Amino acid sequence: MVFGTLVGLIGLVCAVWVIFDVMTKQKKMKDSHKIVWIVLAIVFSIITAIVYYFAVKKK
């Protein structure tokens, strides 16, 4: 019970972080790429946050 809640909370935080970063800090990113990242963040929150960090933030 607690583990599921914790994973859900971490997933929510990851999704919010990716969406916030894409919308506010990625000014040069194409709109179509922003939409893809946002949809992925909603569907696969934790995995998307990890991939986003290494693919976009580490550049």
PDB file of N, CA and C in Angstrom:
ATOM      1  N   MET A   1       0.822  -1.194   0.000  1.00  0.00           N
ATOM      2  CA  MET A   1       0.000   0.000   0.000  1.00  0.00           C
ATOM      3  C   MET A   1       0.867   1.258   0.000  1.00  0.00           C
ATOM      4  N   VAL A   2       1.799   1.315   0.926  1.00  0.00           N
ATOM      5  CA  VAL A   2       2.663   2.492   1.017  1.00  0.00           C
ATOM      6  C   VAL A   2       3.580   2.581  -0.196  1.00  0.00           C
ATOM      7  N   PHE A   3       4.084   1.426  -0.656  1.00  0.00           N
ATOM      8  CA  PHE A   3       4.973   1.401  -1.817  1.00  0.00           C
ATOM      9  C   PHE A   3       4.277   1.932  -3.064  1.00  0.00           C
ATOM     10  N   GLY A   4       3.038   1.510  -3.279  1.00  0.00           N
ATOM     11  CA  GLY A   4       2.275   1.981  -4.435  1.00  0.00           C
ATOM     12  C   GLY A   4       2.017   3.469  -4.383  1.00  0.00           C
ATOM     13  N   THR A   5       1.720   3.968  -3.197  1.00  0.00           N
ATOM     14  CA  THR A   5       1.494   5.399  -3.032  1.00  0.00           C
ATOM     15  C   THR A   5       2.780   6.176  -3.305  1.00  0.00           C
ATOM     16  N   LEU A   6       3.884   5.658  -2.822  1.00  0.00           N
ATOM     17  CA  LEU A   6       5.176   6.308  -3.020  1.00  0.00           C
ATOM     18  C   LEU A   6       5.555   6.336  -4.496  1.00  0.00           C
ATOM     19  N   VAL A   7       5.355   5.235  -5.182  1.00  0.00           N
ATOM     20  CA  VAL A   7       5.653   5.178  -6.616  1.00  0.00           C
ATOM     21  C   VAL A   7       4.745   6.141  -7.379  1.00  0.00           C
ATOM     22  N   GLY A   8       3.484   6.206  -7.013  1.00  0.00           N
ATOM     23  CA  GLY A   8       2.559   7.135  -7.652  1.00  0.00           C
ATOM     24  C   GLY A   8       2.952   8.582  -7.441  1.00  0.00           C
ATOM     25  N   LEU A   9       3.385   8.899  -6.244  1.00  0.00           N
ATOM     26  CA  LEU A   9       3.809  10.265  -5.930  1.00  0.00           C
ATOM     27  C   LEU A   9       5.079  10.618  -6.698  1.00  0.00           C
ATOM     28  N   ILE A  10       6.021   9.701  -6.767  1.00  0.00           N
ATOM     29  CA  ILE A  10       7.251   9.933  -7.531  1.00  0.00           C
ATOM     30  C   ILE A  10       6.929  10.100  -9.017  1.00  0.00           C
ATOM     31  N   GLY A  11       6.017   9.297  -9.531  1.00  0.00           N
ATOM     32  CA  GLY A  11       5.594   9.424 -10.924  1.00  0.00           C
ATOM     33  C   GLY A  11       4.956  10.767 -11.215  1.00  0.00           C
ATOM     34  N   LEU A  12       4.125  11.236 -10.297  1.00  0.00           N
ATOM     35  CA  LEU A  12       3.487  12.541 -10.461  1.00  0.00           C
ATOM     36  C   LEU A  12       4.524  13.659 -10.471  1.00  0.00           C
ATOM     37  N   VAL A  13       5.471  13.589  -9.554  1.00  0.00           N
ATOM     38  CA  VAL A  13       6.525  14.613  -9.491  1.00  0.00           C
ATOM     39  C   VAL A  13       7.359  14.592 -10.769  1.00  0.00           C
ATOM     40  N   CYS A  14       7.691  13.421 -11.261  1.00  0.00           N
ATOM     41  CA  CYS A  14       8.463  13.305 -12.503  1.00  0.00           C
ATOM     42  C   CYS A  14       7.711  13.898 -13.686  1.00  0.00           C
ATOM     43  N   ALA A  15       6.442  13.587 -13.798  1.00  0.00           N
ATOM     44  CA  ALA A  15       5.635  14.113 -14.904  1.00  0.00           C
ATOM     45  C   ALA A  15       5.536  15.629 -14.833  1.00  0.00           C
ATOM     46  N   VAL A  16       5.296  16.157 -13.651  1.00  0.00           N
ATOM     47  CA  VAL A  16       5.189  17.615 -13.487  1.00  0.00           C
ATOM     48  C   VAL A  16       6.517  18.275 -13.826  1.00  0.00           C
ATOM     49  N   TRP A  17       7.640  17.674 -13.393  1.00  0.00           N
ATOM     50  CA  TRP A  17       8.956  18.249 -13.679  1.00  0.00           C
ATOM     51  C   TRP A  17       9.215  18.313 -15.186  1.00  0.00           C
ATOM     52  N   VAL A  18       8.937  17.218 -15.896  1.00  0.00           N
ATOM     53  CA  VAL A  18       9.177  17.199 -17.345  1.00  0.00           C
ATOM     54  C   VAL A  18       8.286  18.220 -18.038  1.00  0.00           C
ATOM     55  N   ILE A  19       7.023  18.254 -17.705  1.00  0.00           N
ATOM     56  CA  ILE A  19       6.102  19.196 -18.338  1.00  0.00           C
ATOM     57  C   ILE A  19       6.514  20.636 -18.046  1.00  0.00           C
ATOM     58  N   PHE A  20       6.853  20.934 -16.808  1.00  0.00           N
ATOM     59  CA  PHE A  20       7.276  22.285 -16.433  1.00  0.00           C
ATOM     60  C   PHE A  20       8.545  22.679 -17.180  1.00  0.00           C
ATOM     61  N   ASP A  21       9.518  21.781 -17.241  1.00  0.00           N
ATOM     62  CA  ASP A  21      10.773  22.090 -17.910  1.00  0.00           C
ATOM     63  C   ASP A  21      10.570  22.297 -19.412  1.00  0.00           C
ATOM     64  N   VAL A  22       9.777  21.451 -20.019  1.00  0.00           N
ATOM     65  CA  VAL A  22       9.527  21.584 -21.462  1.00  0.00           C
ATOM     66  C   VAL A  22       8.822  22.903 -21.757  1.00  0.00           C
ATOM     67  N   MET A  23       7.854  23.266 -20.955  1.00  0.00           N
ATOM     68  CA  MET A  23       7.068  24.478 -21.227  1.00  0.00           C
ATOM     69  C   MET A  23       7.817  25.768 -20.898  1.00  0.00           C
ATOM     70  N   THR A  24       8.693  25.750 -19.916  1.00  0.00           N
ATOM     71  CA  THR A  24       9.324  27.003 -19.488  1.00  0.00           C
ATOM     72  C   THR A  24      10.765  27.181 -19.950  1.00  0.00           C
ATOM     73  N   LYS A  25      11.522  26.113 -20.041  1.00  0.00           N
ATOM     74  CA  LYS A  25      12.958  26.263 -20.286  1.00  0.00           C
ATOM     75  C   LYS A  25      13.423  25.826 -21.665  1.00  0.00           C
ATOM     76  N   GLN A  26      12.589  25.172 -22.406  1.00  0.00           N
ATOM     77  CA  GLN A  26      12.988  24.682 -23.729  1.00  0.00           C
ATOM     78  C   GLN A  26      12.392  25.576 -24.820  1.00  0.00           C
ATOM     79  N   LYS A  27      12.871  26.802 -24.888  1.00  0.00           N
ATOM     80  CA  LYS A  27      12.328  27.784 -25.839  1.00  0.00           C
ATOM     81  C   LYS A  27      12.637  27.430 -27.295  1.00  0.00           C
ATOM     82  N   LYS A  28      13.786  26.806 -27.534  1.00  0.00           N
ATOM     83  CA  LYS A  28      14.189  26.500 -28.908  1.00  0.00           C
ATOM     84  C   LYS A  28      13.637  25.171 -29.418  1.00  0.00           C
ATOM     85  N   MET A  29      13.020  24.393 -28.542  1.00  0.00           N
ATOM     86  CA  MET A  29      12.477  23.098 -28.941  1.00  0.00           C
ATOM     87  C   MET A  29      11.222  23.307 -29.801  1.00  0.00           C
ATOM     88  N   LYS A  30      11.102  22.509 -30.850  1.00  0.00           N
ATOM     89  CA  LYS A  30       9.924  22.604 -31.720  1.00  0.00           C
ATOM     90  C   LYS A  30       8.669  22.250 -30.936  1.00  0.00           C
ATOM     91  N   ASP A  31       7.552  22.855 -31.329  1.00  0.00           N
ATOM     92  CA  ASP A  31       6.282  22.589 -30.649  1.00  0.00           C
ATOM     93  C   ASP A  31       5.875  21.124 -30.744  1.00  0.00           C
ATOM     94  N   SER A  32       6.157  20.500 -31.867  1.00  0.00           N
ATOM     95  CA  SER A  32       5.798  19.086 -32.016  1.00  0.00           C
ATOM     96  C   SER A  32       6.594  18.219 -31.039  1.00  0.00           C
ATOM     97  N   HIS A  33       7.841  18.556 -30.811  1.00  0.00           N
ATOM     98  CA  HIS A  33       8.650  17.810 -29.840  1.00  0.00           C
ATOM     99  C   HIS A  33       8.153  18.055 -28.419  1.00  0.00           C
ATOM    100  N   LYS A  34       7.717  19.273 -28.148  1.00  0.00           N
ATOM    101  CA  LYS A  34       7.166  19.575 -26.824  1.00  0.00           C
ATOM    102  C   LYS A  34       5.925  18.732 -26.544  1.00  0.00           C
ATOM    103  N   ILE A  35       5.060  18.622 -27.558  1.00  0.00           N
ATOM    104  CA  ILE A  35       3.840  17.832 -27.400  1.00  0.00           C
ATOM    105  C   ILE A  35       4.177  16.371 -27.143  1.00  0.00           C
ATOM    106  N   VAL A  36       5.153  15.852 -27.869  1.00  0.00           N
ATOM    107  CA  VAL A  36       5.559  14.449 -27.682  1.00  0.00           C
ATOM    108  C   VAL A  36       6.079  14.244 -26.261  1.00  0.00           C
ATOM    109  N   TRP A  37       6.942  15.130 -25.773  1.00  0.00           N
ATOM    110  CA  TRP A  37       7.487  14.996 -24.420  1.00  0.00           C
ATOM    111  C   TRP A  37       6.391  15.082 -23.365  1.00  0.00           C
ATOM    112  N   ILE A  38       5.435  15.973 -23.564  1.00  0.00           N
ATOM    113  CA  ILE A  38       4.346  16.127 -22.588  1.00  0.00           C
ATOM    114  C   ILE A  38       3.474  14.878 -22.555  1.00  0.00           C
ATOM    115  N   VAL A  39       3.119  14.350 -23.726  1.00  0.00           N
ATOM    116  CA  VAL A  39       2.303  13.131 -23.772  1.00  0.00           C
ATOM    117  C   VAL A  39       3.052  11.969 -23.141  1.00  0.00           C
ATOM    118  N   LEU A  40       4.325  11.840 -23.458  1.00  0.00           N
ATOM    119  CA  LEU A  40       5.121  10.773 -22.856  1.00  0.00           C
ATOM    120  C   LEU A  40       5.223  10.934 -21.340  1.00  0.00           C
ATOM    121  N   ALA A  41       5.347  12.171 -20.880  1.00  0.00           N
ATOM    122  CA  ALA A  41       5.433  12.423 -19.430  1.00  0.00           C
ATOM    123  C   ALA A  41       4.149  12.009 -18.727  1.00  0.00           C
ATOM    124  N   ILE A  42       3.030  12.205 -19.374  1.00  0.00           N
ATOM    125  CA  ILE A  42       1.753  11.830 -18.775  1.00  0.00           C
ATOM    126  C   ILE A  42       1.594  10.303 -18.749  1.00  0.00           C
ATOM    127  N   VAL A  43       2.018   9.643 -19.811  1.00  0.00           N
ATOM    128  CA  VAL A  43       1.809   8.201 -19.919  1.00  0.00           C
ATOM    129  C   VAL A  43       2.880   7.396 -19.180  1.00  0.00           C
ATOM    130  N   PHE A  44       4.133   7.769 -19.372  1.00  0.00           N
ATOM    131  CA  PHE A  44       5.260   7.014 -18.794  1.00  0.00           C
ATOM    132  C   PHE A  44       6.105   7.938 -17.927  1.00  0.00           C
ATOM    133  N   SER A  45       5.575   8.413 -16.856  1.00  0.00           N
ATOM    134  CA  SER A  45       6.177   9.508 -16.100  1.00  0.00           C
ATOM    135  C   SER A  45       7.610   9.263 -15.646  1.00  0.00           C
ATOM    136  N   ILE A  46       7.890   8.202 -14.951  1.00  0.00           N
ATOM    137  CA  ILE A  46       9.222   7.992 -14.386  1.00  0.00           C
ATOM    138  C   ILE A  46      10.237   7.669 -15.487  1.00  0.00           C
ATOM    139  N   ILE A  47       9.860   6.798 -16.403  1.00  0.00           N
ATOM    140  CA  ILE A  47      10.761   6.438 -17.497  1.00  0.00           C
ATOM    141  C   ILE A  47      11.028   7.653 -18.381  1.00  0.00           C
ATOM    142  N   THR A  48      10.001   8.437 -18.663  1.00  0.00           N
ATOM    143  CA  THR A  48      10.164   9.628 -19.480  1.00  0.00           C
ATOM    144  C   THR A  48      11.087  10.624 -18.807  1.00  0.00           C
ATOM    145  N   ALA A  49      10.971  10.801 -17.508  1.00  0.00           N
ATOM    146  CA  ALA A  49      11.837  11.744 -16.794  1.00  0.00           C
ATOM    147  C   ALA A  49      13.299  11.327 -16.906  1.00  0.00           C
ATOM    148  N   ILE A  50      13.566  10.039 -16.802  1.00  0.00           N
ATOM    149  CA  ILE A  50      14.942   9.552 -16.908  1.00  0.00           C
ATOM    150  C   ILE A  50      15.478   9.781 -18.329  1.00  0.00           C
ATOM    151  N   VAL A  51      14.690   9.408 -19.322  1.00  0.00           N
ATOM    152  CA  VAL A  51      15.111   9.582 -20.713  1.00  0.00           C
ATOM    153  C   VAL A  51      15.268  11.067 -21.038  1.00  0.00           C
ATOM    154  N   TYR A  52      14.339  11.888 -20.595  1.00  0.00           N
ATOM    155  CA  TYR A  52      14.398  13.342 -20.836  1.00  0.00           C
ATOM    156  C   TYR A  52      15.659  13.936 -20.221  1.00  0.00           C
ATOM    157  N   TYR A  53      15.990  13.510 -19.016  1.00  0.00           N
ATOM    158  CA  TYR A  53      17.173  14.035 -18.348  1.00  0.00           C
ATOM    159  C   TYR A  53      18.432  13.751 -19.172  1.00  0.00           C
ATOM    160  N   PHE A  54      18.591  12.525 -19.635  1.00  0.00           N
ATOM    161  CA  PHE A  54      19.794  12.175 -20.369  1.00  0.00           C
ATOM    162  C   PHE A  54      19.774  12.670 -21.821  1.00  0.00           C
ATOM    163  N   ALA A  55      18.597  12.765 -22.438  1.00  0.00           N
ATOM    164  CA  ALA A  55      18.526  13.161 -23.845  1.00  0.00           C
ATOM    165  C   ALA A  55      18.507  14.676 -24.031  1.00  0.00           C
ATOM    166  N   VAL A  56      17.884  15.408 -23.113  1.00  0.00           N
ATOM    167  CA  VAL A  56      17.707  16.836 -23.303  1.00  0.00           C
ATOM    168  C   VAL A  56      18.540  17.654 -22.319  1.00  0.00           C
ATOM    169  N   LYS A  57      18.450  17.343 -21.058  1.00  0.00           N
ATOM    170  CA  LYS A  57      19.098  18.170 -20.036  1.00  0.00           C
ATOM    171  C   LYS A  57      20.616  18.021 -20.019  1.00  0.00           C
ATOM    172  N   LYS A  58      21.137  16.870 -20.400  1.00  0.00           N
ATOM    173  CA  LYS A  58      22.583  16.648 -20.377  1.00  0.00           C
ATOM    174  C   LYS A  58      23.297  17.189 -21.616  1.00  0.00           C
ATOM    175  N   LYS A  59      22.600  17.765 -22.561  1.00  0.00           N
ATOM    176  CA  LYS A  59      23.228  18.317 -23.777  1.00  0.00           C
ATOM    177  C   LYS A  59      24.114  19.489 -23.444  1.00  0.00           C
TER     178      LYS A  59
END
